[in-house]
């Protein structure tokens, strides 16, 4: 089982901050993102822009593999001035 967390704009548009998702061998962060985008219009909108991902509190690329029990966090890039 994976714990999926959403932050900032993604959390607001998704209407939730966390959910559980089944894990399977070979799953990557990109696979999770694709699955979430396809679930509903709300999630497609939430993930329509650039997305950063962290696995177990470590920034990673979308091609990173996932293990059972991982926490996967998605959030938009942060900019400042």
Foldseek 3Di string as FASTA:
>chain_A
DEKEAEDDQLCVLLVHGIDDDDDDPPDFQLNVLVVQLPPDVSNVVSPVDDKWKDKQNHTDDRNHGDDPPIYIYIYHDDDDD
